[in-house]
Amino acid sequence: CKETFNVFYHEADGDTATALSPPWLENPYVKVDTVAADYLTRRPSPPSSPSTPPGRRPSATSARVNRKTLRVGPLSKGGFYLAF
């Protein structure tokens, strides 16, 4: 993730969302957390293979993983929508 973003949820008892409802505003959504771009880590480098050209890294070394566990709730309805 290269940019910071907010995560919101909205509870619902059924799959009732449309393009207009619930409104795409902060309210009625509840803010869960802000995920910052500084949660970047690198995956371990895979071993080089004979097919990797000299001076070039295997492609997985440039991949980045952004991992953060968020808790939603407490929930009182049958389900929820996530927005970010």
Protein backbone atom coordinates (compact mmCIF):
# COMPACT_ATOMS: atom_id res chain seq x y z
CA CYS A 1 0.00 0.00 0.00
CA LYS A 2 1.54 3.30 -1.07
CA GLU A 3 -1.07 5.62 0.42
CA THR A 4 -2.76 6.10 3.77
CA PHE A 5 -6.50 5.35 3.79
CA ASN A 6 -9.40 5.03 6.25
CA VAL A 7 -11.48 1.87 6.76
CA PHE A 8 -15.20 2.17 7.65
CA TYR A 9 -18.06 -0.28 8.24
CA HIS A 10 -21.84 -0.06 8.07
CA GLU A 11 -24.08 -2.68 9.67
CA ALA A 12 -27.05 -4.15 7.83
CA ASP A 13 -29.56 -6.96 8.33
CA GLY A 14 -29.55 -7.86 4.64
CA ASP A 15 -27.91 -7.24 1.29
CA THR A 16 -29.73 -3.97 0.67
CA ALA A 17 -27.01 -1.64 -0.57
CA THR A 18 -27.53 0.26 -3.81
CA ALA A 19 -25.53 2.95 -5.58
CA LEU A 20 -27.32 5.54 -3.40
CA SER A 21 -28.05 3.74 -0.12
CA PRO A 22 -26.39 3.78 2.32
CA PRO A 23 -24.97 7.16 1.30
CA TRP A 24 -21.26 7.11 0.51
CA LEU A 25 -20.42 9.50 3.34
CA GLU A 26 -18.59 9.01 6.62
CA ASN A 27 -21.94 8.97 8.40
CA PRO A 28 -23.70 6.34 8.57
CA TYR A 29 -20.38 4.46 8.32
CA VAL A 30 -18.32 3.96 11.47
CA LYS A 31 -14.58 4.55 11.19
CA VAL A 32 -12.57 1.44 12.10
CA ASP A 33 -9.02 2.73 11.67
CA THR A 34 -6.56 4.52 9.45
CA VAL A 35 -4.12 2.28 7.59
CA ALA A 36 -0.88 4.15 7.08
CA ALA A 37 1.49 3.65 4.18
CA ASP A 38 4.33 3.02 6.64
CA TYR A 39 3.06 -0.53 7.27
CA LEU A 40 5.21 -1.75 4.39
CA THR A 41 7.40 -4.82 4.69
CA ARG A 42 9.33 -6.82 2.13
CA ARG A 43 8.78 -10.48 1.43
CA PRO A 44 11.78 -12.73 1.91
CA SER A 45 13.88 -12.97 -1.24
CA PRO A 46 13.41 -16.22 -3.15
CA PRO A 47 16.54 -18.12 -4.10
CA SER A 48 18.03 -17.21 -7.46
CA SER A 49 17.48 -19.68 -10.24
CA PRO A 50 19.66 -20.46 -13.25
CA SER A 51 17.05 -18.75 -15.48
CA THR A 52 17.45 -15.39 -13.66
CA PRO A 53 19.67 -13.10 -15.77
CA PRO A 54 22.88 -11.91 -14.05
CA GLY A 55 22.40 -8.68 -12.13
CA ARG A 56 18.61 -9.05 -12.09
CA ARG A 57 16.60 -10.01 -9.05
CA PRO A 58 13.74 -12.52 -9.16
CA SER A 59 10.41 -10.64 -9.44
CA ALA A 60 9.11 -11.56 -5.97
CA THR A 61 11.80 -9.47 -4.28
CA SER A 62 10.12 -6.28 -5.48
CA ALA A 63 6.69 -7.35 -4.17
CA ARG A 64 5.52 -5.69 -0.99
CA VAL A 65 3.13 -6.91 1.67
CA ASN A 66 0.94 -4.58 3.69
CA ARG A 67 -0.59 -6.38 6.63
CA LYS A 68 -2.64 -4.95 9.47
CA THR A 69 -5.34 -6.69 11.51
CA LEU A 70 -8.45 -4.60 12.18
CA ARG A 71 -11.33 -5.40 14.50
CA VAL A 72 -14.85 -4.40 13.46
CA GLY A 73 -17.62 -4.00 15.99
CA PRO A 74 -19.27 -4.65 18.26
CA LEU A 75 -21.83 -5.82 15.70
CA SER A 76 -25.55 -6.09 16.42
CA LYS A 77 -26.98 -6.85 12.96
CA GLY A 78 -26.70 -9.78 10.58
CA GLY A 79 -23.84 -8.40 8.50
CA PHE A 80 -21.82 -5.37 7.51
CA TYR A 81 -20.36 -3.49 4.56
CA LEU A 82 -16.76 -2.32 4.44
CA ALA A 83 -15.68 0.91 2.77
CA PHE A 84 -12.24 2.37 2.27
